[in-house]
Amino acid sequence: MAKERPIICSAHMVRAILENRQSQTRRVVKPQPVYEPPLGYDVLRAKGRAFSLCPPDRSGPNAPMYEVCPYGVPGDRLWVRERFAFDDSLDHKPPSSEFHRFLCEDGSRIVYHASYDGAIGRLGKWRPSIHMPRWASRITLEVTGVRVERVQEISEHNAKAEGVAPWVNSHGEQSSCWWRDYRFASACGTACPIVSFEGLWDNINAKRGYPWADNPWCWVVEFRRLKEGE
């Protein structure tokens, strides 16, 4: 039976999904596997389990342990948690409150940071993604594929599927063959989508101890965005 789980997404990822630029996400395997996966190991046939964290020849109480994918298997669903706010009249209530749900059923009093344009005058405090309740989520994804690989194994095609943003020049013109170089604060571009993704990966994961240079193992979760009613 298909399961539903939350997934925290950055503003960059939310915008990429809404613009139909992203259909994959790479997330660090925790803890990192100690041993290489056996040749031909198929994480899908193993029901979402990664390869062994222990030597494969052990048995009994020290039998191999497998890390189960926290994002599910094909057919499961992920609802997106993102940074959000209400108008300031609702700041005194916790976000999970039914009071909020009652007042925000049409979505008019929920503000999503990834889409915020500064137009709302009475904006309340920004709330962390982890506090978003299910009812406030505006994006649901269906998992279509799961595998395990080292982050540096990414191809140019898959780097584009990670939603790297097109490069925009000083005139505000968007390029169709150059991507933003996330290694630099200024709006620099790169002709290689893998270099673009490398910078994006490090912006999120380097400070957490999993830099690109270390080539960590990651879950590769492929997905499609569900339309309303699906």
Protein backbone atom coordinates (compact mmCIF):
# COMPACT_ATOMS: atom_id res chain seq x y z
CA MET A 1 0.00 0.00 0.00
CA ALA A 2 1.31 3.43 -0.94
CA LYS A 3 2.45 5.65 1.93
CA GLU A 4 2.61 9.41 2.31
CA ARG A 5 5.52 11.26 3.93
CA PRO A 6 6.61 14.89 4.35
CA ILE A 7 9.74 16.23 2.65
CA ILE A 8 11.39 19.56 3.44
CA CYS A 9 12.22 21.64 0.36
CA SER A 10 14.20 24.85 -0.02
CA ALA A 11 12.77 27.89 -1.76
CA HIS A 12 14.95 27.07 -4.77
CA MET A 13 13.49 23.57 -5.05
CA VAL A 14 9.91 24.78 -4.58
CA ARG A 15 10.28 27.31 -7.39
CA ALA A 16 11.90 24.71 -9.65
CA ILE A 17 9.03 22.26 -9.06
CA LEU A 18 6.39 24.92 -9.68
CA GLU A 19 8.15 25.89 -12.91
CA ASN A 20 8.32 22.22 -14.00
CA ARG A 21 12.13 22.28 -14.00
CA GLN A 22 12.74 19.65 -11.32
CA SER A 23 11.92 15.94 -11.30
CA GLN A 24 14.71 14.57 -9.08
CA THR A 25 16.17 15.30 -5.67
CA ARG A 26 19.37 13.99 -4.12
CA ARG A 27 19.46 13.56 -0.36
CA VAL A 28 22.37 12.35 1.78
CA VAL A 29 22.20 8.73 2.97
CA LYS A 30 22.47 8.83 6.77
CA PRO A 31 24.49 7.21 8.11
CA GLN A 32 26.87 6.91 5.21
CA PRO A 33 27.34 3.25 4.14
CA VAL A 34 30.56 1.61 5.26
CA TYR A 35 30.80 -0.88 2.39
CA GLU A 36 30.38 -0.63 -1.36
CA PRO A 37 27.10 -2.05 -2.71
CA PRO A 38 27.37 -5.51 -4.30
CA LEU A 39 27.65 -5.56 -8.08
CA GLY A 40 24.21 -5.23 -9.66
CA TYR A 41 22.45 -4.34 -6.41
CA ASP A 42 18.97 -3.01 -7.16
CA VAL A 43 17.50 -0.79 -4.46
CA LEU A 44 14.03 -1.08 -6.00
CA ARG A 45 13.92 -4.88 -5.81
CA ALA A 46 15.14 -4.52 -2.23
CA LYS A 47 11.99 -2.54 -1.41
CA GLY A 48 13.80 0.76 -0.96
CA ARG A 49 16.68 -0.54 1.16
CA ALA A 50 20.16 0.74 0.52
CA PHE A 51 23.15 -1.58 0.57
CA SER A 52 24.58 -3.16 3.70
CA LEU A 53 26.17 -1.06 6.41
CA CYS A 54 28.01 -4.15 7.71
CA PRO A 55 30.26 -6.80 6.09
CA PRO A 56 28.11 -9.09 3.89
CA ASP A 57 29.56 -12.32 5.33
CA ARG A 58 28.29 -11.75 8.88
CA SER A 59 25.31 -13.62 10.32
CA GLY A 60 23.35 -13.87 13.56
CA PRO A 61 23.20 -10.78 15.78
CA ASN A 62 25.78 -9.07 13.59
CA ALA A 63 23.94 -9.71 10.32
CA PRO A 64 24.09 -6.98 7.68
CA MET A 65 21.97 -3.96 8.45
CA TYR A 66 20.23 -2.13 5.61
CA GLU A 67 19.28 1.50 5.54
CA VAL A 68 15.68 1.90 4.37
CA CYS A 69 14.99 4.87 2.11
CA PRO A 70 13.20 7.51 4.22
CA TYR A 71 11.49 8.86 1.09
CA GLY A 72 9.67 5.65 0.20
CA VAL A 73 9.48 3.58 -2.96
CA PRO A 74 7.78 4.15 -6.33
CA GLY A 75 4.09 4.82 -5.87
CA ASP A 76 4.50 6.51 -2.48
CA ARG A 77 3.75 10.21 -2.08
CA LEU A 78 5.68 13.13 -0.62
CA TRP A 79 4.01 16.31 0.56
CA VAL A 80 6.24 19.35 0.52
CA ARG A 81 7.05 21.34 3.61
CA GLU A 82 8.33 24.84 2.87
CA ARG A 83 8.90 28.11 4.71
CA PHE A 84 5.59 29.93 5.22
CA ALA A 85 3.67 32.59 7.12
CA PHE A 86 0.16 33.78 7.89
CA ASP A 87 -0.94 37.38 8.11
CA ASP A 88 0.05 38.92 11.43
CA SER A 89 -3.41 38.58 12.98
CA LEU A 90 -2.79 34.83 13.29
CA ASP A 91 0.69 34.95 14.81
CA HIS A 92 -0.55 34.12 18.29
CA LYS A 93 -1.65 30.61 17.26
CA PRO A 94 0.57 27.59 16.51
CA PRO A 95 0.57 26.59 12.82
CA SER A 96 -1.09 23.25 13.49
CA SER A 97 -4.10 24.95 15.05
CA GLU A 98 -7.53 24.07 13.66
CA PHE A 99 -8.24 27.79 14.05
CA HIS A 100 -5.70 28.43 11.30
CA ARG A 101 -7.13 25.73 9.13
CA PHE A 102 -10.61 27.17 9.43
CA LEU A 103 -9.48 30.69 8.47
CA CYS A 104 -7.11 29.57 5.71
CA GLU A 105 -9.20 26.99 3.88
CA ASP A 106 -9.11 29.00 0.66
CA GLY A 107 -5.36 29.64 1.01
CA SER A 108 -5.78 33.42 1.00
CA ARG A 109 -4.12 33.87 4.40
CA ILE A 110 -1.17 31.53 3.81
CA VAL A 111 2.01 33.06 2.36
CA TYR A 112 4.76 30.87 0.92
CA HIS A 113 8.28 32.28 1.15
CA ALA A 114 9.33 30.82 -2.22
CA SER A 115 6.59 32.82 -3.97
CA TYR A 116 6.55 35.94 -1.78
CA ASP A 117 6.80 39.18 -3.76
CA GLY A 118 6.46 41.66 -0.91
CA ALA A 119 2.90 42.63 -1.82
CA ILE A 120 1.31 41.68 1.51
CA GLY A 121 1.35 44.52 4.03
CA ARG A 122 0.43 42.63 7.22
CA LEU A 123 2.73 39.66 6.89
CA GLY A 124 3.23 37.63 10.07
CA LYS A 125 6.42 35.92 11.16
CA TRP A 126 8.09 33.44 8.85
CA ARG A 127 7.73 29.89 10.13
CA PRO A 128 10.29 27.11 9.50
CA SER A 129 9.42 24.43 6.97
CA ILE A 130 9.45 21.73 9.66
CA HIS A 131 6.40 23.37 11.30
CA MET A 132 4.20 23.25 8.20
CA PRO A 133 1.11 21.07 8.80
CA ARG A 134 -0.13 18.75 6.08
CA TRP A 135 -3.22 20.85 5.33
CA ALA A 136 -1.09 23.91 4.50
CA SER A 137 1.08 22.12 1.93
CA ARG A 138 0.45 23.15 -1.69
CA ILE A 139 2.64 20.56 -3.45
CA THR A 140 2.31 16.77 -3.49
CA LEU A 141 4.77 14.54 -5.34
CA GLU A 142 4.56 10.93 -6.45
CA VAL A 143 7.79 8.93 -6.19
CA THR A 144 8.58 7.34 -9.56
CA GLY A 145 12.07 5.98 -8.88
CA VAL A 146 14.61 5.45 -6.09
CA ARG A 147 18.27 4.52 -6.29
CA VAL A 148 21.53 5.01 -4.41
CA GLU A 149 24.67 6.52 -5.93
CA ARG A 150 27.57 8.79 -5.13
CA VAL A 151 26.76 12.44 -5.74
CA GLN A 152 29.55 12.91 -8.29
CA GLU A 153 28.01 10.21 -10.52
CA ILE A 154 25.34 12.68 -11.64
CA SER A 155 25.03 13.17 -15.41
CA GLU A 156 24.34 16.44 -17.22
CA HIS A 157 20.79 15.28 -17.94
CA ASN A 158 20.16 14.52 -14.27
CA ALA A 159 21.78 17.77 -13.14
CA LYS A 160 19.19 19.60 -15.24
CA ALA A 161 16.46 17.40 -13.71
CA GLU A 162 17.65 18.64 -10.30
CA GLY A 163 16.27 22.03 -11.28
CA VAL A 164 19.44 24.10 -11.59
CA ALA A 165 18.33 27.60 -12.54
CA PRO A 166 19.06 29.12 -15.96
CA TRP A 167 21.67 31.87 -15.94
CA VAL A 168 20.28 35.39 -16.24
CA ASN A 169 22.63 38.04 -17.64
CA SER A 170 22.97 41.66 -16.53
CA HIS A 171 20.17 42.67 -18.90
CA GLY A 172 17.74 40.25 -17.27
CA GLU A 173 17.84 37.88 -20.23
CA GLN A 174 17.56 34.16 -19.44
CA SER A 175 19.89 31.76 -21.21
CA SER A 176 18.76 28.43 -22.65
CA CYS A 177 22.18 26.76 -22.47
CA TRP A 178 23.93 28.35 -19.45
CA TRP A 179 23.11 27.74 -15.79
CA ARG A 180 23.59 29.69 -12.62
CA ASP A 181 26.92 29.07 -10.90
CA TYR A 182 25.96 28.69 -7.23
CA ARG A 183 29.61 28.78 -6.12
CA PHE A 184 29.57 32.57 -6.39
CA ALA A 185 27.30 35.09 -4.73
CA SER A 186 27.11 37.21 -7.87
CA ALA A 187 25.01 36.12 -10.83
CA CYS A 188 27.69 34.14 -12.65
CA GLY A 189 26.94 31.49 -15.23
CA THR A 190 28.41 28.14 -16.27
CA ALA A 191 28.00 26.11 -19.44
CA CYS A 192 28.06 22.86 -17.45
CA PRO A 193 24.91 21.91 -15.48
CA ILE A 194 26.99 19.54 -13.31
CA VAL A 195 29.14 22.47 -12.13
CA SER A 196 25.94 24.36 -11.40
CA PHE A 197 24.57 21.47 -9.35
CA GLU A 198 27.91 21.07 -7.51
CA GLY A 199 27.59 24.61 -6.19
CA LEU A 200 23.94 24.08 -5.27
CA TRP A 201 24.82 20.84 -3.43
CA ASP A 202 27.60 22.51 -1.43
CA ASN A 203 25.38 25.48 -0.50
CA ILE A 204 23.02 23.02 1.20
CA ASN A 205 25.21 20.15 2.35
CA ALA A 206 28.82 21.30 2.85
CA LYS A 207 28.09 22.97 6.19
CA ARG A 208 26.35 19.75 7.30
CA GLY A 209 29.52 17.72 6.72
CA TYR A 210 28.75 16.26 3.27
CA PRO A 211 30.63 18.42 0.71
CA TRP A 212 30.76 17.57 -2.99
CA ALA A 213 34.52 16.95 -2.70
CA ASP A 214 33.90 14.02 -0.33
CA ASN A 215 31.59 12.39 -2.90
CA PRO A 216 29.01 11.15 -0.35
CA TRP A 217 26.42 8.47 -1.06
CA CYS A 218 22.96 9.90 -1.68
CA TRP A 219 19.41 8.80 -2.30
CA VAL A 220 18.25 9.74 -5.78
CA VAL A 221 14.48 10.22 -5.64
CA GLU A 222 12.68 10.72 -8.93
CA PHE A 223 9.18 12.18 -8.82
CA ARG A 224 6.34 13.85 -10.64
CA ARG A 225 4.15 16.63 -9.31
CA LEU A 226 0.55 15.55 -8.82
CA LYS A 227 -2.24 17.68 -10.16
CA GLU A 228 -5.15 18.70 -7.96
CA GLY A 229 -7.52 15.77 -7.50
CA GLU A 230 -4.98 13.03 -8.23
